[in-house]
Amino acid sequence: MTYELTVGLEIHVELDTESKAFCACPNRFGAAPNTLICPVCAGFPGALPVLNESVVERAVRVGKAFGCTINMVSRHDRKNYYYPDLPNAYQITQQRVPILSGGAFFLYEEGGLSSVALDHIHMEEDAGKLLHGAGDDYTRIDFNRAGVPLLEIVTQPCLHTPERAQAFLEALRQTLVELEVTDGKMHEGSIRCDVNVSVGSGAQMGVKVELKNIGTFSGVRRAIAFEFKRQTRLLEKGDPVVSETRRWDDMAGMTLAMREKESLQDYRFFFEPNLQPTVVLQELCDRVIVAELPQARLLRYVREFSLPPAEAALLCVRPRWAYFEACLVCGAPPRAAANWICGELARLSGGNVDALPPERLCQLIRCVEQGAVSSSAGKAALAAMLEFGWTANRAIGELGLDQMRDNDALSALAAQIVADHPQPAAAYRAGKTNALDFLVGRGMKASGGRADPAALRALLKSALECCSLSKNHEFFDKAGAGSRLCEDAQRNASPE
């Protein structure tokens, strides 16, 4: 029997607001334990929550970006369960009337945009954090994270491979960072993921198993792949798949059972009595402007500029896309600008492309494109420009990198390279034409990158073919002499 994998994701996104969701405590990572708390987020009796408007504004921004329906009136609910890091013994969330419904996230793959359907997006608060010291027989609780605002993005069960789930999460993170709703720092837990996995046959979906709080996208991919194999083996043996919550052990590379899956009734949802309904004003919706999203930009770069998708994807990461667009405004050819930004500039600057003003890179690109300097000389000039803050013209002048175009000098260089490398020269004459590339490289190195590569290639080829022709003449001269000797010998040996 053929089994089909179906995956739905619940992505918890920590918002980068100045303060927490329902109080004025700072929303900041890395502070000393229990120093960013107050009676509200610590769950003291009688302390009343007040919704942070910045949370609503970020939710609206995400909703407009993903084409969601913005519910102008939404409600908060209490999700009741007991756990030590939940000070109120309930979480303020949105279960019945979320702020955003529907929508889709568009993902670039296989030459175009495909979509991942969203079920809804809701606002909620985070819990605290349990700290387990090595060798301790007790657990500490840090409530600094309690009350940190979250958006939970819930997809439809529409993903069918582990690889596509990972690709979706990576693209989603990039988009959320560009929308400036989260810092996207995975090592700080800014984005965490619950995964719902079911394995069925045909149109029949299987039993849903939830994998909790996976902190890396590669971990999500590996967890889904493991769970698909585990459930498939159970079904092949005729054993039931239990609806349960499991955790992912990244070191062991396997999922482990935690508890039976809770139902909605287990959480005893009811409207949060201490919060009024959230009303989104039209004025807020109007002032939230969403620019071009990374995946749409990637598709545009591929179609308009014929960039390879991998290179276009590198350009769509902030701040490279803004730098690339600035280079286009300066008149740089798109392909050349993309190659320099993603290649030599990224390498020399350690990824900080803003270290060089875009207009200066454009000057250098023009020098290379117009043949004033070779590509290798341009790389040397770029290194000097980054180190000393020079313009392209000054770097070329200071380093003496202007192109060598004197025909006599290039001819002498070509002759010298052929003489100094007899084996590659012989290989070229024997039909191995790629040996010419090696000789051109030797010539460029000997000239300090100043030789005109096209002119040098032509002169090397001419020198090699002239040498080959002279040797052929020598061979034919010797062959002709030998033929005459044979004819003389035959005449001497005849009876006549």
Protein backbone atom coordinates (compact mmCIF):
# COMPACT_ATOMS: atom_id res chain seq x y z
CA MET A 1 0.00 0.00 0.00
CA THR A 2 1.18 3.51 -0.79
CA TYR A 3 1.07 5.93 2.13
CA GLU A 4 0.82 9.72 1.85
CA LEU A 5 2.34 12.22 4.24
CA THR A 6 0.30 15.27 5.28
CA VAL A 7 1.78 18.05 7.40
CA GLY A 8 0.36 21.17 9.00
CA LEU A 9 2.51 23.69 10.87
CA GLU A 10 1.91 25.98 13.84
CA ILE A 11 4.64 28.64 13.87
CA HIS A 12 5.11 30.71 17.04
CA VAL A 13 6.70 34.05 16.19
CA GLU A 14 8.01 36.30 18.98
CA LEU A 15 7.27 39.92 18.09
CA ASP A 16 10.00 42.55 18.48
CA THR A 17 7.88 45.09 20.35
CA GLU A 18 9.39 47.36 22.99
CA SER A 19 7.13 46.00 25.73
CA LYS A 20 5.21 42.80 26.44
CA ALA A 21 1.75 41.88 25.19
CA PHE A 22 -0.34 42.99 28.18
CA CYS A 23 1.95 45.08 30.38
CA ALA A 24 4.73 47.68 30.16
CA CYS A 25 7.61 45.33 31.05
CA PRO A 26 10.48 45.46 28.52
CA ASN A 27 10.45 42.80 25.83
CA ARG A 28 14.17 41.98 25.81
CA PHE A 29 16.23 38.81 25.53
CA GLY A 30 19.17 37.93 27.76
CA ALA A 31 18.38 39.86 30.96
CA ALA A 32 19.10 38.35 34.36
CA PRO A 33 16.33 35.92 35.43
CA ASN A 34 13.13 37.48 36.78
CA THR A 35 14.25 41.09 36.30
CA LEU A 36 11.72 41.97 33.57
CA ILE A 37 8.49 41.10 35.37
CA CYS A 38 5.60 42.88 37.05
CA PRO A 39 2.37 41.81 38.79
CA VAL A 40 0.59 41.44 35.42
CA CYS A 41 3.01 39.11 33.64
CA ALA A 42 3.88 37.33 36.92
CA GLY A 43 0.21 36.46 37.41
CA PHE A 44 -0.45 38.27 40.70
CA PRO A 45 -4.13 38.24 41.74
CA GLY A 46 -6.03 41.35 40.75
CA ALA A 47 -3.48 42.59 38.19
CA LEU A 48 -5.30 43.43 34.95
CA PRO A 49 -3.90 43.09 31.42
CA VAL A 50 -3.93 45.91 28.82
CA LEU A 51 -3.36 44.99 25.16
CA ASN A 52 -0.24 46.45 23.51
CA GLU A 53 -1.26 48.34 20.33
CA SER A 54 2.07 47.46 18.67
CA VAL A 55 1.06 43.79 18.71
CA VAL A 56 -2.10 44.59 16.77
CA GLU A 57 -0.17 46.77 14.29
CA ARG A 58 2.29 43.94 13.55
CA ALA A 59 -0.55 41.46 13.14
CA VAL A 60 -2.21 43.77 10.60
CA ARG A 61 1.10 44.10 8.73
CA VAL A 62 1.43 40.32 8.46
CA GLY A 63 -2.22 40.00 7.45
CA LYS A 64 -1.84 42.49 4.59
CA ALA A 65 1.36 40.80 3.41
CA PHE A 66 -0.22 37.33 3.30
CA GLY A 67 -3.64 38.34 1.96
CA CYS A 68 -5.50 37.39 5.13
CA THR A 69 -8.95 38.61 6.09
CA ILE A 70 -8.44 41.14 8.88
CA ASN A 71 -11.19 40.66 11.42
CA MET A 72 -11.97 44.21 12.49
CA VAL A 73 -13.34 42.86 15.78
CA SER A 74 -11.60 39.90 17.43
CA ARG A 75 -11.65 38.35 20.91
CA HIS A 76 -9.14 36.93 23.35
CA ASP A 77 -9.67 33.62 25.12
CA ARG A 78 -8.26 31.85 28.13
CA LYS A 79 -6.53 28.53 27.39
CA ASN A 80 -6.57 26.75 30.74
CA TYR A 81 -3.84 24.32 31.70
CA TYR A 82 -1.37 23.99 34.54
CA TYR A 83 2.38 24.06 34.02
CA PRO A 84 5.02 25.61 36.31
CA ASP A 85 6.13 28.25 33.78
CA LEU A 86 2.56 29.55 33.27
CA PRO A 87 2.00 31.90 36.23
CA ASN A 88 -1.78 32.36 35.78
CA ALA A 89 -2.43 28.66 35.05
CA TYR A 90 -3.95 29.90 31.79
CA GLN A 91 -2.64 31.47 28.59
CA ILE A 92 -4.27 34.49 26.97
CA THR A 93 -4.74 33.55 23.32
CA GLN A 94 -7.35 33.75 20.51
CA GLN A 95 -9.21 30.55 19.80
CA ARG A 96 -12.72 31.49 18.64
CA VAL A 97 -12.26 34.81 16.79
CA PRO A 98 -8.62 35.34 15.72
CA ILE A 99 -7.44 38.65 14.34
CA LEU A 100 -6.56 37.13 10.92
CA SER A 101 -8.27 34.43 8.88
CA GLY A 102 -7.29 32.62 5.68
CA GLY A 103 -4.57 33.94 3.41
CA ALA A 104 -1.61 32.23 1.76
CA PHE A 105 2.16 32.41 1.72
CA PHE A 106 3.75 32.36 -1.72
CA LEU A 107 6.92 30.33 -2.08
CA TYR A 108 9.34 30.37 -5.03
CA GLU A 109 10.08 26.86 -6.30
CA GLU A 110 10.55 25.09 -9.62
CA GLY A 111 10.70 28.29 -11.64
CA GLY A 112 7.61 30.00 -10.23
CA LEU A 113 5.53 30.85 -7.18
CA SER A 114 3.52 28.21 -5.37
CA SER A 115 1.34 28.81 -2.32
CA VAL A 116 0.99 27.41 1.17
CA ALA A 117 -2.56 27.95 2.43
CA LEU A 118 -3.01 29.50 5.87
CA ASP A 119 -5.86 28.64 8.22
CA HIS A 120 -5.56 31.63 10.55
CA ILE A 121 -3.12 33.79 12.53
CA HIS A 122 -3.80 34.77 16.12
CA MET A 123 -2.23 36.83 18.93
CA GLU A 124 -1.20 35.27 22.23
CA GLU A 125 1.31 35.52 25.07
CA ASP A 126 4.35 33.37 25.72
CA ALA A 127 5.03 31.37 28.88
CA GLY A 128 8.10 31.52 31.12
CA LYS A 129 11.14 29.28 30.85
CA LEU A 130 12.22 26.33 32.98
CA LEU A 131 15.94 26.17 33.79
CA HIS A 132 17.44 22.75 34.50
CA GLY A 133 20.96 22.95 35.97
CA ALA A 134 23.38 20.10 35.42
CA GLY A 135 23.36 17.89 38.50
CA ASP A 136 20.54 19.83 40.19
CA ASP A 137 17.62 17.96 41.76
CA TYR A 138 15.38 21.01 41.33
CA THR A 139 14.19 23.31 38.53
CA ARG A 140 14.36 27.10 38.38
CA ILE A 141 11.75 29.25 36.64
CA ASP A 142 12.54 32.47 34.77
CA PHE A 143 9.40 34.53 34.10
CA ASN A 144 11.12 37.17 31.93
CA ARG A 145 9.60 35.57 28.83
CA ALA A 146 6.12 35.32 30.35
CA GLY A 147 3.83 37.73 28.54
CA VAL A 148 6.12 38.22 25.52
CA PRO A 149 3.80 38.80 22.51
CA LEU A 150 3.46 36.03 19.93
CA LEU A 151 1.78 35.58 16.59
CA GLU A 152 0.86 31.98 15.93
CA ILE A 153 0.68 31.24 12.19
CA VAL A 154 -1.36 28.11 11.51
CA THR A 155 -1.20 26.54 8.04
CA GLN A 156 -3.69 24.26 6.40
CA PRO A 157 -2.60 20.57 6.27
CA CYS A 158 -1.21 21.11 2.77
CA LEU A 159 2.47 20.15 2.95
CA HIS A 160 3.47 16.68 1.76
CA THR A 161 7.27 16.48 1.94
CA PRO A 162 9.75 17.29 4.72
CA GLU A 163 11.85 19.31 2.28
CA ARG A 164 8.98 21.60 1.30
CA ALA A 165 8.13 22.20 4.96
CA GLN A 166 11.70 23.35 5.59
CA ALA A 167 11.77 25.53 2.47
CA PHE A 168 8.49 27.16 3.52
CA LEU A 169 9.79 27.91 7.03
CA GLU A 170 13.04 29.41 5.74
CA ALA A 171 11.20 31.66 3.29
CA LEU A 172 8.62 32.61 5.95
CA ARG A 173 11.35 33.63 8.41
CA GLN A 174 13.02 35.82 5.76
CA THR A 175 9.72 37.53 5.00
CA LEU A 176 8.80 38.12 8.65
CA VAL A 177 12.21 39.70 9.32
CA GLU A 178 11.81 41.97 6.29
CA LEU A 179 8.33 42.95 7.50
CA GLU A 180 10.04 44.03 10.75
CA VAL A 181 7.72 42.07 13.00
CA THR A 182 10.44 39.80 14.51
CA ASP A 183 14.22 39.64 14.68
CA GLY A 184 14.04 36.00 13.52
CA LYS A 185 16.89 34.89 15.80
CA MET A 186 16.50 31.13 15.95
CA HIS A 187 19.10 30.68 18.72
CA GLU A 188 17.03 32.99 20.95
CA GLY A 189 13.79 31.12 20.26
CA SER A 190 12.25 33.94 18.23
CA ILE A 191 10.61 31.38 15.93
CA ARG A 192 9.51 27.96 17.19
CA CYS A 193 7.41 25.38 15.44
CA ASP A 194 4.86 22.69 16.29
CA VAL A 195 4.33 20.11 13.58
CA ASN A 196 1.18 18.06 12.96
CA VAL A 197 1.94 14.88 11.04
CA SER A 198 -0.48 12.30 9.69
CA VAL A 199 0.12 9.34 7.40
CA GLY A 200 -2.79 7.94 5.41
CA SER A 201 -3.62 6.16 2.19
CA GLY A 202 -5.54 7.62 -0.74
CA ALA A 203 -7.98 10.34 0.24
CA GLN A 204 -8.11 9.14 3.84
CA MET A 205 -5.91 11.17 6.19
CA GLY A 206 -4.31 9.36 9.06
CA VAL A 207 -4.29 10.02 12.79
CA LYS A 208 -2.73 13.38 13.71
CA VAL A 209 0.43 13.31 15.82
CA GLU A 210 1.83 16.60 17.16
CA LEU A 211 5.56 17.28 17.46
CA LYS A 212 6.17 20.10 19.96
CA ASN A 213 8.53 23.08 20.03
CA ILE A 214 11.14 22.29 17.39
CA GLY A 215 13.69 25.10 17.34
CA THR A 216 15.44 24.63 13.98
CA PHE A 217 14.14 24.28 10.44
CA SER A 218 16.46 21.37 9.68
CA GLY A 219 15.10 19.77 12.85
CA VAL A 220 11.56 20.16 11.47
CA ARG A 221 12.58 18.41 8.24
CA ARG A 222 14.29 15.55 10.06
CA ALA A 223 11.47 15.16 12.57
CA ILE A 224 8.85 14.92 9.82
CA ALA A 225 10.94 12.38 7.90
CA PHE A 226 11.41 10.25 11.03
CA GLU A 227 7.74 10.44 11.97
CA PHE A 228 6.64 9.44 8.46
CA LYS A 229 8.82 6.32 8.64
CA ARG A 230 7.66 5.51 12.17
CA GLN A 231 3.96 5.77 11.36
CA THR A 232 4.38 3.92 8.07
CA ARG A 233 6.03 1.00 9.85
CA LEU A 234 3.16 0.85 12.36
CA LEU A 235 0.55 0.85 9.59
CA GLU A 236 2.39 -1.82 7.61
CA LYS A 237 2.35 -4.07 10.68
CA GLY A 238 -1.34 -3.38 11.27
CA ASP A 239 -0.70 -1.51 14.53
CA PRO A 240 -2.67 1.65 15.35
CA VAL A 241 -1.11 5.11 15.30
CA VAL A 242 -1.90 6.84 18.60
CA SER A 243 -2.99 10.47 18.60
CA GLU A 244 -0.37 11.91 20.91
CA THR A 245 2.09 14.71 21.53
CA ARG A 246 5.73 13.83 20.95
CA ARG A 247 8.99 15.73 21.32
CA TRP A 248 11.93 15.80 18.93
CA ASP A 249 15.32 14.62 20.26
CA ASP A 250 17.73 16.28 17.86
CA MET A 251 20.80 14.44 19.16
CA ALA A 252 19.18 11.01 18.85
CA GLY A 253 17.40 11.95 15.62
CA MET A 254 14.04 10.58 16.77
CA THR A 255 10.69 11.58 18.27
CA LEU A 256 9.69 10.45 21.77
CA ALA A 257 6.22 10.14 23.29
CA MET A 258 5.25 12.84 25.82
CA ARG A 259 1.52 12.54 26.47
CA GLU A 260 -1.82 11.83 24.83
CA LYS A 261 -3.03 14.59 22.52
CA GLU A 262 -5.26 17.11 24.27
CA SER A 263 -8.65 18.06 22.82
CA LEU A 264 -10.28 21.48 22.80
CA GLN A 265 -12.41 20.41 25.75
CA ASP A 266 -9.28 19.71 27.80
CA TYR A 267 -8.31 23.38 27.64
CA ARG A 268 -11.76 24.67 28.68
CA PHE A 269 -11.57 27.76 26.43
CA PHE A 270 -13.70 30.77 27.36
CA PHE A 271 -13.54 34.48 26.51
CA GLU A 272 -10.97 36.44 28.53
CA PRO A 273 -13.16 38.51 30.90
CA ASN A 274 -10.46 41.10 31.66
CA LEU A 275 -10.06 42.21 28.03
CA GLN A 276 -12.56 43.98 25.82
CA PRO A 277 -12.95 42.84 22.18
CA THR A 278 -10.07 44.08 20.02
CA VAL A 279 -11.30 46.61 17.46
CA VAL A 280 -8.99 47.29 14.52
CA LEU A 281 -9.54 50.82 13.22
CA GLN A 282 -9.53 51.47 9.48
CA GLU A 283 -6.99 54.21 10.09
CA LEU A 284 -4.52 51.58 11.35
CA CYS A 285 -5.08 49.41 8.28
CA ASP A 286 -4.57 52.38 5.97
CA ARG A 287 -1.26 53.46 7.46
CA VAL A 288 0.28 49.96 7.30
CA ILE A 289 2.10 49.78 3.96
CA VAL A 290 3.59 46.48 2.80
CA ALA A 291 6.34 46.66 0.18
CA GLU A 292 7.35 43.94 -2.29
CA LEU A 293 7.89 40.64 -0.49
CA PRO A 294 11.13 38.64 -0.90
CA GLN A 295 9.57 35.75 -2.84
CA ALA A 296 7.90 38.08 -5.36
CA ARG A 297 11.16 39.99 -5.66
CA LEU A 298 13.05 36.75 -6.32
CA LEU A 299 10.67 35.86 -9.13
CA ARG A 300 11.04 39.35 -10.63
CA TYR A 301 14.84 39.13 -10.60
CA VAL A 302 14.73 35.77 -12.35
CA ARG A 303 12.27 36.91 -15.00
CA GLU A 304 13.45 40.48 -15.63
CA PHE A 305 17.20 40.06 -15.30
CA SER A 306 17.63 36.35 -16.16
CA LEU A 307 19.48 35.76 -12.89
CA PRO A 308 19.98 32.17 -11.71
CA PRO A 309 17.44 31.42 -8.95
CA ALA A 310 20.18 30.64 -6.41
CA GLU A 311 21.85 34.01 -7.03
CA ALA A 312 18.51 35.83 -7.02
CA ALA A 313 17.72 34.23 -3.66
CA LEU A 314 21.00 35.58 -2.22
CA LEU A 315 20.13 39.06 -3.47
CA CYS A 316 16.71 39.00 -1.82
CA VAL A 317 18.21 38.88 1.67
CA ARG A 318 18.43 42.20 3.47
CA PRO A 319 20.37 44.42 2.94
CA ARG A 320 21.58 43.01 -0.37
CA TRP A 321 18.36 43.66 -2.28
CA ALA A 322 18.41 47.37 -1.40
CA TYR A 323 22.09 47.55 -2.39
CA PHE A 324 21.37 45.76 -5.68
CA GLU A 325 18.49 48.12 -6.46
CA ALA A 326 20.77 51.11 -5.75
CA CYS A 327 23.33 49.72 -8.22
CA LEU A 328 20.63 49.41 -10.87
CA VAL A 329 19.68 53.05 -10.31
CA CYS A 330 23.36 53.95 -10.89
CA GLY A 331 23.19 52.19 -14.27
CA ALA A 332 25.06 48.97 -13.50
CA PRO A 333 24.16 45.97 -15.71
CA PRO A 334 21.99 43.64 -13.57
CA ARG A 335 23.97 40.45 -14.21
CA ALA A 336 27.32 42.11 -13.52
CA ALA A 337 26.02 43.85 -10.37
CA ALA A 338 24.57 40.58 -9.05
CA ASN A 339 27.84 38.72 -9.67
CA TRP A 340 29.95 41.35 -7.88
CA ILE A 341 27.55 41.74 -4.92
CA CYS A 342 27.05 38.02 -4.28
CA GLY A 343 30.64 37.14 -5.14
CA GLU A 344 33.71 39.26 -4.49
CA LEU A 345 32.05 42.06 -2.49
CA ALA A 346 30.31 39.62 -0.13
CA ARG A 347 33.56 37.67 0.30
CA LEU A 348 35.81 40.65 0.98
CA SER A 349 33.33 42.46 3.24
CA GLY A 350 32.30 39.41 5.24
CA GLY A 351 28.76 39.79 3.95
CA ASN A 352 28.53 43.49 4.91
CA VAL A 353 27.90 44.85 1.42
CA ASP A 354 27.10 48.30 2.82
CA ALA A 355 30.82 48.68 3.59
CA LEU A 356 31.21 50.12 0.06
CA PRO A 357 28.88 52.81 -1.31
CA PRO A 358 26.92 51.35 -4.26
CA GLU A 359 27.95 54.17 -6.60
CA ARG A 360 31.63 53.22 -6.10
CA LEU A 361 30.95 49.59 -6.95
CA CYS A 362 29.14 50.81 -10.07
CA GLN A 363 32.24 52.83 -11.07
CA LEU A 364 34.35 49.70 -10.79
CA ILE A 365 31.83 47.62 -12.74
CA ARG A 366 31.88 50.20 -15.56
CA CYS A 367 35.69 50.07 -15.68
CA VAL A 368 35.59 46.29 -16.01
CA GLU A 369 32.71 46.25 -18.49
CA GLN A 370 34.37 48.88 -20.70
CA GLY A 371 37.69 47.03 -20.68
CA ALA A 372 39.66 49.63 -18.73
CA VAL A 373 40.72 46.89 -16.29
CA SER A 374 40.48 43.12 -16.36
CA SER A 375 38.20 41.20 -14.06
CA SER A 376 41.10 40.00 -11.89
CA ALA A 377 42.49 43.55 -11.69
CA GLY A 378 39.00 44.72 -10.73
CA LYS A 379 39.04 42.31 -7.76
CA ALA A 380 42.37 43.74 -6.61
CA ALA A 381 40.98 47.25 -6.96
CA LEU A 382 37.87 46.30 -4.94
CA ALA A 383 40.02 45.03 -2.07
CA ALA A 384 41.90 48.36 -2.00
CA MET A 385 38.65 50.32 -2.20
CA LEU A 386 37.31 48.51 0.88
CA GLU A 387 40.56 48.84 2.80
CA PHE A 388 41.44 52.46 2.06
CA GLY A 389 38.09 53.98 1.07
CA TRP A 390 39.36 54.82 -2.42
CA THR A 391 37.27 55.42 -5.51
CA ALA A 392 37.58 52.94 -8.36
CA ASN A 393 39.72 55.30 -10.47
CA ARG A 394 42.10 56.02 -7.61
CA ALA A 395 42.51 52.33 -6.76
CA ILE A 396 43.27 51.52 -10.40
CA GLY A 397 45.76 54.38 -10.63
CA GLU A 398 47.46 53.77 -7.27
CA LEU A 399 47.93 50.06 -7.96
CA GLY A 400 48.79 50.49 -11.64
CA LEU A 401 46.00 48.17 -12.72
CA ASP A 402 45.03 49.88 -15.98
CA GLN A 403 44.68 47.45 -18.86
CA MET A 404 47.79 46.50 -20.90
CA ARG A 405 46.76 46.87 -24.54
CA ASP A 406 50.05 47.50 -26.34
CA ASN A 407 50.15 44.87 -29.08
CA ASP A 408 53.93 44.50 -29.08
CA ALA A 409 54.06 44.05 -25.31
CA LEU A 410 51.19 41.52 -25.38
CA SER A 411 52.83 39.63 -28.27
CA ALA A 412 56.09 39.42 -26.33
CA LEU A 413 54.18 38.22 -23.25
CA ALA A 414 52.37 35.55 -25.28
CA ALA A 415 55.64 34.30 -26.81
CA GLN A 416 57.26 34.16 -23.39
CA ILE A 417 54.33 32.22 -21.85
CA VAL A 418 54.45 29.63 -24.68
CA ALA A 419 58.22 29.28 -24.27
CA ASP A 420 57.97 28.93 -20.46
CA HIS A 421 55.22 26.27 -20.58
CA PRO A 422 56.15 23.72 -23.26
CA GLN A 423 53.95 20.90 -21.94
CA PRO A 424 50.61 22.83 -22.01
CA ALA A 425 51.65 24.25 -25.39
CA ALA A 426 52.29 20.75 -26.73
CA ALA A 427 48.96 19.58 -25.26
CA TYR A 428 47.12 22.38 -27.07
CA ARG A 429 48.81 21.47 -30.36
CA ALA A 430 47.81 17.85 -29.73
CA GLY A 431 44.13 18.90 -29.66
CA LYS A 432 43.56 19.60 -25.93
CA THR A 433 42.15 23.09 -26.42
CA ASN A 434 41.42 23.63 -22.72
CA ALA A 435 45.19 23.99 -22.23
CA LEU A 436 44.74 27.47 -23.69
CA ASP A 437 42.79 28.52 -20.57
CA PHE A 438 45.76 27.54 -18.42
CA LEU A 439 48.14 29.57 -20.56
CA VAL A 440 45.83 32.60 -20.45
CA GLY A 441 45.77 32.32 -16.66
CA ARG A 442 49.57 32.20 -16.56
CA GLY A 443 49.72 35.27 -18.75
CA MET A 444 47.25 37.20 -16.61
CA LYS A 445 49.26 36.34 -13.50
CA ALA A 446 52.52 37.37 -15.15
CA SER A 447 51.01 40.72 -16.11
CA GLY A 448 49.60 41.34 -12.64
CA GLY A 449 46.10 41.10 -14.06
CA ARG A 450 46.70 44.02 -16.42
CA ALA A 451 46.70 42.18 -19.74
CA ASP A 452 43.58 42.41 -21.90
CA PRO A 453 42.40 38.79 -21.56
CA ALA A 454 40.68 38.67 -24.96
CA ALA A 455 43.69 40.11 -26.78
CA LEU A 456 46.06 37.85 -24.82
CA ARG A 457 44.01 34.78 -25.69
CA ALA A 458 44.07 35.65 -29.40
CA LEU A 459 47.83 36.25 -29.37
CA LEU A 460 48.53 33.03 -27.44
CA LYS A 461 46.40 31.07 -29.88
CA SER A 462 48.24 32.68 -32.80
CA ALA A 463 51.64 31.93 -31.23
CA LEU A 464 50.70 28.30 -30.60
CA GLU A 465 49.38 27.80 -34.11
CA CYS A 466 52.47 29.48 -35.63
CA CYS A 467 54.73 27.14 -33.66
CA SER A 468 52.63 24.19 -34.78
CA LEU A 469 52.78 25.34 -38.42
CA SER A 470 56.58 25.79 -38.34
CA LYS A 471 57.04 22.30 -36.94
CA ASN A 472 54.78 20.92 -39.66
CA HIS A 473 56.91 22.64 -42.30
CA GLU A 474 60.03 21.11 -40.76
CA PHE A 475 58.41 17.66 -40.83
CA PHE A 476 57.33 18.01 -44.42
CA ASP A 477 60.80 19.27 -45.41
CA LYS A 478 62.38 16.21 -43.81
CA ALA A 479 59.77 13.92 -45.39
CA GLY A 480 60.49 15.43 -48.82
CA ALA A 481 64.22 14.91 -48.42
CA GLY A 482 63.70 11.31 -47.38
CA SER A 483 61.52 10.69 -50.43
CA ARG A 484 64.23 12.00 -52.73
CA LEU A 485 66.82 9.73 -51.11
CA CYS A 486 64.56 6.73 -51.71
CA GLU A 487 64.12 7.63 -55.36
CA ASP A 488 67.92 7.94 -55.82
CA ALA A 489 68.48 4.56 -54.16
CA GLN A 490 65.94 2.90 -56.40
CA ARG A 491 67.58 4.32 -59.55
CA ASN A 492 71.05 3.09 -58.42
CA ALA A 493 69.71 -0.41 -57.77
CA SER A 494 67.98 -0.80 -61.19
CA PRO A 495 69.49 -3.04 -63.97
CA GLU A 496 69.81 -0.02 -66.17
